[in-house]
Amino acid sequence: MARKKSSAKTDANAPAIPASLKKFRQSPEIEGFYRFIYENDLRTEAFEIIDNIGQKRAAAKASKKKPKK
């Protein structure tokens, strides 16, 4: 049997990411993710991950803003 090429996922099929933070937090996927973290007592680990991501983004943003001499 010949293999069929699987169609790649397109962004048109994916739900749009809400622009506002409030709507983003209220999206069903994010609410489910928060519930999973809470029910499995992963709050400390989740905070550490989010904090690391925030620090890396802040460092990248700061390095972009530094004027080159």
PDB file of N, CA and C in Angstrom:
ATOM      1  N   MET A   1       0.824  -1.178   0.000  1.00  0.00           N
ATOM      2  CA  MET A   1       0.000   0.000   0.000  1.00  0.00           C
ATOM      3  C   MET A   1       0.868   1.241   0.000  1.00  0.00           C
ATOM      4  N   ALA A   2       0.473   2.183  -0.788  1.00  0.00           N
ATOM      5  CA  ALA A   2       1.209   3.443  -0.850  1.00  0.00           C
ATOM      6  C   ALA A   2       0.753   4.349   0.286  1.00  0.00           C
ATOM      7  N   ARG A   3       1.710   5.078   0.814  1.00  0.00           N
ATOM      8  CA  ARG A   3       1.387   6.027   1.879  1.00  0.00           C
ATOM      9  C   ARG A   3       0.841   7.305   1.278  1.00  0.00           C
ATOM     10  N   LYS A   4      -0.134   7.848   1.933  1.00  0.00           N
ATOM     11  CA  LYS A   4      -0.664   9.141   1.515  1.00  0.00           C
ATOM     12  C   LYS A   4       0.033  10.218   2.325  1.00  0.00           C
ATOM     13  N   LYS A   5       0.311  11.321   1.671  1.00  0.00           N
ATOM     14  CA  LYS A   5       0.910  12.447   2.385  1.00  0.00           C
ATOM     15  C   LYS A   5      -0.142  13.039   3.305  1.00  0.00           C
ATOM     16  N   SER A   6       0.239  13.215   4.554  1.00  0.00           N
ATOM     17  CA  SER A   6      -0.697  13.821   5.491  1.00  0.00           C
ATOM     18  C   SER A   6      -0.675  15.333   5.282  1.00  0.00           C
ATOM     19  N   SER A   7      -1.848  15.892   5.333  1.00  0.00           N
ATOM     20  CA  SER A   7      -1.911  17.341   5.155  1.00  0.00           C
ATOM     21  C   SER A   7      -1.421  18.017   6.425  1.00  0.00           C
ATOM     22  N   ALA A   8      -0.605  19.010   6.243  1.00  0.00           N
ATOM     23  CA  ALA A   8      -0.056  19.745   7.385  1.00  0.00           C
ATOM     24  C   ALA A   8      -1.149  20.597   8.006  1.00  0.00           C
ATOM     25  N   LYS A   9      -1.069  20.759   9.307  1.00  0.00           N
ATOM     26  CA  LYS A   9      -2.038  21.617   9.985  1.00  0.00           C
ATOM     27  C   LYS A   9      -1.803  23.047   9.545  1.00  0.00           C
ATOM     28  N   THR A  10      -2.881  23.737   9.342  1.00  0.00           N
ATOM     29  CA  THR A  10      -2.778  25.136   8.954  1.00  0.00           C
ATOM     30  C   THR A  10      -3.260  26.002  10.095  1.00  0.00           C
ATOM     31  N   ASP A  11      -2.824  27.238  10.090  1.00  0.00           N
ATOM     32  CA  ASP A  11      -3.240  28.167  11.119  1.00  0.00           C
ATOM     33  C   ASP A  11      -4.722  28.502  11.001  1.00  0.00           C
ATOM     34  N   ALA A  12      -5.298  28.296   9.834  1.00  0.00           N
ATOM     35  CA  ALA A  12      -6.708  28.591   9.648  1.00  0.00           C
ATOM     36  C   ALA A  12      -7.572  27.640  10.475  1.00  0.00           C
ATOM     37  N   ASN A  13      -7.085  26.422  10.708  1.00  0.00           N
ATOM     38  CA  ASN A  13      -7.847  25.458  11.492  1.00  0.00           C
ATOM     39  C   ASN A  13      -7.692  25.684  12.991  1.00  0.00           C
ATOM     40  N   ALA A  14      -6.629  26.309  13.399  1.00  0.00           N
ATOM     41  CA  ALA A  14      -6.365  26.529  14.817  1.00  0.00           C
ATOM     42  C   ALA A  14      -7.205  27.700  15.318  1.00  0.00           C
ATOM     43  N   PRO A  15      -7.692  27.607  16.553  1.00  0.00           N
ATOM     44  CA  PRO A  15      -8.458  28.734  17.083  1.00  0.00           C
ATOM     45  C   PRO A  15      -7.545  29.934  17.295  1.00  0.00           C
ATOM     46  N   ALA A  16      -8.094  31.106  17.108  1.00  0.00           N
ATOM     47  CA  ALA A  16      -7.311  32.330  17.254  1.00  0.00           C
ATOM     48  C   ALA A  16      -6.964  32.556  18.715  1.00  0.00           C
ATOM     49  N   ILE A  17      -5.781  33.058  18.964  1.00  0.00           N
ATOM     50  CA  ILE A  17      -5.361  33.376  20.318  1.00  0.00           C
ATOM     51  C   ILE A  17      -5.914  34.752  20.657  1.00  0.00           C
ATOM     52  N   PRO A  18      -6.673  34.838  21.746  1.00  0.00           N
ATOM     53  CA  PRO A  18      -7.236  36.137  22.120  1.00  0.00           C
ATOM     54  C   PRO A  18      -6.146  37.166  22.407  1.00  0.00           C
ATOM     55  N   ALA A  19      -6.408  38.400  22.014  1.00  0.00           N
ATOM     56  CA  ALA A  19      -5.415  39.455  22.193  1.00  0.00           C
ATOM     57  C   ALA A  19      -5.345  39.932  23.632  1.00  0.00           C
ATOM     58  N   SER A  20      -6.478  39.995  24.314  1.00  0.00           N
ATOM     59  CA  SER A  20      -6.458  40.503  25.684  1.00  0.00           C
ATOM     60  C   SER A  20      -6.096  39.381  26.653  1.00  0.00           C
ATOM     61  N   LEU A  21      -5.427  39.742  27.716  1.00  0.00           N
ATOM     62  CA  LEU A  21      -4.991  38.767  28.709  1.00  0.00           C
ATOM     63  C   LEU A  21      -6.185  38.115  29.395  1.00  0.00           C
ATOM     64  N   LYS A  22      -7.227  38.896  29.669  1.00  0.00           N
ATOM     65  CA  LYS A  22      -8.402  38.349  30.347  1.00  0.00           C
ATOM     66  C   LYS A  22      -9.070  37.274  29.495  1.00  0.00           C
ATOM     67  N   LYS A  23      -9.249  37.544  28.212  1.00  0.00           N
ATOM     68  CA  LYS A  23      -9.874  36.556  27.328  1.00  0.00           C
ATOM     69  C   LYS A  23      -8.972  35.353  27.125  1.00  0.00           C
ATOM     70  N   PHE A  24      -7.658  35.567  27.112  1.00  0.00           N
ATOM     71  CA  PHE A  24      -6.712  34.462  26.970  1.00  0.00           C
ATOM     72  C   PHE A  24      -6.844  33.508  28.146  1.00  0.00           C
ATOM     73  N   ARG A  25      -6.923  34.059  29.349  1.00  0.00           N
ATOM     74  CA  ARG A  25      -7.030  33.227  30.551  1.00  0.00           C
ATOM     75  C   ARG A  25      -8.359  32.496  30.608  1.00  0.00           C
ATOM     76  N   GLN A  26      -9.377  33.038  29.978  1.00  0.00           N
ATOM     77  CA  GLN A  26     -10.695  32.424  30.022  1.00  0.00           C
ATOM     78  C   GLN A  26     -10.942  31.451  28.877  1.00  0.00           C
ATOM     79  N   SER A  27      -9.977  31.272  27.995  1.00  0.00           N
ATOM     80  CA  SER A  27     -10.170  30.328  26.907  1.00  0.00           C
ATOM     81  C   SER A  27     -10.230  28.913  27.483  1.00  0.00           C
ATOM     82  N   PRO A  28     -11.013  28.033  26.890  1.00  0.00           N
ATOM     83  CA  PRO A  28     -11.200  26.688  27.447  1.00  0.00           C
ATOM     84  C   PRO A  28      -9.901  25.896  27.611  1.00  0.00           C
ATOM     85  N   GLU A  29      -8.971  26.048  26.678  1.00  0.00           N
ATOM     86  CA  GLU A  29      -7.717  25.305  26.779  1.00  0.00           C
ATOM     87  C   GLU A  29      -6.897  25.754  27.979  1.00  0.00           C
ATOM     88  N   ILE A  30      -6.845  27.068  28.202  1.00  0.00           N
ATOM     89  CA  ILE A  30      -6.066  27.604  29.313  1.00  0.00           C
ATOM     90  C   ILE A  30      -6.740  27.271  30.638  1.00  0.00           C
ATOM     91  N   GLU A  31      -8.057  27.355  30.695  1.00  0.00           N
ATOM     92  CA  GLU A  31      -8.756  26.979  31.926  1.00  0.00           C
ATOM     93  C   GLU A  31      -8.498  25.519  32.263  1.00  0.00           C
ATOM     94  N   GLY A  32      -8.507  24.650  31.255  1.00  0.00           N
ATOM     95  CA  GLY A  32      -8.208  23.241  31.476  1.00  0.00           C
ATOM     96  C   GLY A  32      -6.783  23.038  31.958  1.00  0.00           C
ATOM     97  N   PHE A  33      -5.862  23.820  31.411  1.00  0.00           N
ATOM     98  CA  PHE A  33      -4.458  23.733  31.823  1.00  0.00           C
ATOM     99  C   PHE A  33      -4.300  24.166  33.277  1.00  0.00           C
ATOM    100  N   TYR A  34      -4.938  25.290  33.650  1.00  0.00           N
ATOM    101  CA  TYR A  34      -4.895  25.745  35.044  1.00  0.00           C
ATOM    102  C   TYR A  34      -5.485  24.686  35.975  1.00  0.00           C
ATOM    103  N   ARG A  35      -6.605  24.081  35.559  1.00  0.00           N
ATOM    104  CA  ARG A  35      -7.246  23.061  36.378  1.00  0.00           C
ATOM    105  C   ARG A  35      -6.322  21.860  36.561  1.00  0.00           C
ATOM    106  N   PHE A  36      -5.639  21.457  35.491  1.00  0.00           N
ATOM    107  CA  PHE A  36      -4.696  20.336  35.562  1.00  0.00           C
ATOM    108  C   PHE A  36      -3.576  20.637  36.557  1.00  0.00           C
ATOM    109  N   ILE A  37      -3.036  21.846  36.493  1.00  0.00           N
ATOM    110  CA  ILE A  37      -1.960  22.232  37.412  1.00  0.00           C
ATOM    111  C   ILE A  37      -2.460  22.200  38.849  1.00  0.00           C
ATOM    112  N   TYR A  38      -3.638  22.744  39.092  1.00  0.00           N
ATOM    113  CA  TYR A  38      -4.180  22.795  40.443  1.00  0.00           C
ATOM    114  C   TYR A  38      -4.481  21.396  40.980  1.00  0.00           C
ATOM    115  N   GLU A  39      -5.154  20.563  40.173  1.00  0.00           N
ATOM    116  CA  GLU A  39      -5.557  19.234  40.628  1.00  0.00           C
ATOM    117  C   GLU A  39      -4.370  18.313  40.869  1.00  0.00           C
ATOM    118  N   ASN A  40      -3.277  18.524  40.169  1.00  0.00           N
ATOM    119  CA  ASN A  40      -2.103  17.666  40.321  1.00  0.00           C
ATOM    120  C   ASN A  40      -1.024  18.291  41.207  1.00  0.00           C
ATOM    121  N   ASP A  41      -1.383  19.375  41.886  1.00  0.00           N
ATOM    122  CA  ASP A  41      -0.482  20.061  42.817  1.00  0.00           C
ATOM    123  C   ASP A  41       0.861  20.393  42.172  1.00  0.00           C
ATOM    124  N   LEU A  42       0.792  21.025  41.021  1.00  0.00           N
ATOM    125  CA  LEU A  42       1.994  21.405  40.272  1.00  0.00           C
ATOM    126  C   LEU A  42       2.212  22.914  40.279  1.00  0.00           C
ATOM    127  N   ARG A  43       1.639  23.601  41.238  1.00  0.00           N
ATOM    128  CA  ARG A  43       1.726  25.066  41.255  1.00  0.00           C
ATOM    129  C   ARG A  43       3.148  25.562  41.383  1.00  0.00           C
ATOM    130  N   THR A  44       3.939  24.956  42.244  1.00  0.00           N
ATOM    131  CA  THR A  44       5.319  25.402  42.436  1.00  0.00           C
ATOM    132  C   THR A  44       6.129  25.213  41.159  1.00  0.00           C
ATOM    133  N   GLU A  45       5.987  24.043  40.551  1.00  0.00           N
ATOM    134  CA  GLU A  45       6.722  23.756  39.321  1.00  0.00           C
ATOM    135  C   GLU A  45       6.284  24.680  38.193  1.00  0.00           C
ATOM    136  N   ALA A  46       4.981  24.914  38.088  1.00  0.00           N
ATOM    137  CA  ALA A  46       4.467  25.801  37.039  1.00  0.00           C
ATOM    138  C   ALA A  46       4.980  27.218  37.240  1.00  0.00           C
ATOM    139  N   PHE A  47       5.021  27.680  38.486  1.00  0.00           N
ATOM    140  CA  PHE A  47       5.529  29.028  38.760  1.00  0.00           C
ATOM    141  C   PHE A  47       6.991  29.145  38.343  1.00  0.00           C
ATOM    142  N   GLU A  48       7.794  28.135  38.664  1.00  0.00           N
ATOM    143  CA  GLU A  48       9.214  28.171  38.302  1.00  0.00           C
ATOM    144  C   GLU A  48       9.393  28.226  36.790  1.00  0.00           C
ATOM    145  N   ILE A  49       8.601  27.462  36.068  1.00  0.00           N
ATOM    146  CA  ILE A  49       8.690  27.459  34.600  1.00  0.00           C
ATOM    147  C   ILE A  49       8.304  28.823  34.043  1.00  0.00           C
ATOM    148  N   ILE A  50       7.178  29.361  34.505  1.00  0.00           N
ATOM    149  CA  ILE A  50       6.718  30.667  34.019  1.00  0.00           C
ATOM    150  C   ILE A  50       7.722  31.757  34.387  1.00  0.00           C
ATOM    151  N   ASP A  51       8.293  31.676  35.580  1.00  0.00           N
ATOM    152  CA  ASP A  51       9.276  32.661  36.006  1.00  0.00           C
ATOM    153  C   ASP A  51      10.523  32.606  35.120  1.00  0.00           C
ATOM    154  N   ASN A  52      11.003  31.413  34.807  1.00  0.00           N
ATOM    155  CA  ASN A  52      12.170  31.272  33.927  1.00  0.00           C
ATOM    156  C   ASN A  52      11.891  31.836  32.538  1.00  0.00           C
ATOM    157  N   ILE A  53      10.710  31.557  32.019  1.00  0.00           N
ATOM    158  CA  ILE A  53      10.339  32.084  30.703  1.00  0.00           C
ATOM    159  C   ILE A  53      10.308  33.611  30.748  1.00  0.00           C
ATOM    160  N   GLY A  54       9.731  34.169  31.802  1.00  0.00           N
ATOM    161  CA  GLY A  54       9.664  35.627  31.943  1.00  0.00           C
ATOM    162  C   GLY A  54      11.032  36.259  32.030  1.00  0.00           C
ATOM    163  N   GLN A  55      11.935  35.636  32.772  1.00  0.00           N
ATOM    164  CA  GLN A  55      13.292  36.168  32.889  1.00  0.00           C
ATOM    165  C   GLN A  55      14.016  36.129  31.552  1.00  0.00           C
ATOM    166  N   LYS A  56      13.861  35.043  30.802  1.00  0.00           N
ATOM    167  CA  LYS A  56      14.517  34.943  29.491  1.00  0.00           C
ATOM    168  C   LYS A  56      13.957  35.971  28.514  1.00  0.00           C
ATOM    169  N   ARG A  57      12.642  36.176  28.549  1.00  0.00           N
ATOM    170  CA  ARG A  57      12.036  37.168  27.651  1.00  0.00           C
ATOM    171  C   ARG A  57      12.474  38.579  28.023  1.00  0.00           C
ATOM    172  N   ALA A  58      12.563  38.856  29.321  1.00  0.00           N
ATOM    173  CA  ALA A  58      13.010  40.182  29.763  1.00  0.00           C
ATOM    174  C   ALA A  58      14.459  40.431  29.363  1.00  0.00           C
ATOM    175  N   ALA A  59      15.295  39.398  29.485  1.00  0.00           N
ATOM    176  CA  ALA A  59      16.701  39.542  29.095  1.00  0.00           C
ATOM    177  C   ALA A  59      16.818  39.771  27.594  1.00  0.00           C
ATOM    178  N   ALA A  60      16.025  39.048  26.813  1.00  0.00           N
ATOM    179  CA  ALA A  60      16.061  39.220  25.360  1.00  0.00           C
ATOM    180  C   ALA A  60      15.566  40.607  24.968  1.00  0.00           C
ATOM    181  N   LYS A  61      14.540  41.070  25.644  1.00  0.00           N
ATOM    182  CA  LYS A  61      13.993  42.402  25.357  1.00  0.00           C
ATOM    183  C   LYS A  61      15.009  43.480  25.731  1.00  0.00           C
ATOM    184  N   ALA A  62      15.693  43.304  26.866  1.00  0.00           N
ATOM    185  CA  ALA A  62      16.684  44.280  27.311  1.00  0.00           C
ATOM    186  C   ALA A  62      17.877  44.317  26.348  1.00  0.00           C
ATOM    187  N   SER A  63      18.265  43.164  25.843  1.00  0.00           N
ATOM    188  CA  SER A  63      19.404  43.146  24.923  1.00  0.00           C
ATOM    189  C   SER A  63      19.045  43.781  23.578  1.00  0.00           C
ATOM    190  N   LYS A  64      17.792  43.718  23.199  1.00  0.00           N
ATOM    191  CA  LYS A  64      17.361  44.373  21.950  1.00  0.00           C
ATOM    192  C   LYS A  64      17.364  45.883  22.099  1.00  0.00           C
ATOM    193  N   LYS A  65      17.031  46.364  23.289  1.00  0.00           N
ATOM    194  CA  LYS A  65      16.922  47.800  23.510  1.00  0.00           C
ATOM    195  C   LYS A  65      18.262  48.481  23.703  1.00  0.00           C
ATOM    196  N   LYS A  66      19.317  47.734  24.003  1.00  0.00           N
ATOM    197  CA  LYS A  66      20.624  48.343  24.214  1.00  0.00           C
ATOM    198  C   LYS A  66      21.115  48.947  22.896  1.00  0.00           C
ATOM    199  N   PRO A  67      21.457  50.230  22.910  1.00  0.00           N
ATOM    200  CA  PRO A  67      21.961  50.855  21.673  1.00  0.00           C
ATOM    201  C   PRO A  67      23.381  50.364  21.387  1.00  0.00           C
ATOM    202  N   LYS A  68      23.629  50.091  20.136  1.00  0.00           N
ATOM    203  CA  LYS A  68      24.974  49.659  19.730  1.00  0.00           C
ATOM    204  C   LYS A  68      25.827  50.877  19.481  1.00  0.00           C
ATOM    205  N   LYS A  69      27.061  50.844  19.944  1.00  0.00           N
ATOM    206  CA  LYS A  69      27.967  51.981  19.788  1.00  0.00           C
ATOM    207  C   LYS A  69      28.900  51.774  18.632  1.00  0.00           C
TER     208      LYS A  69
END
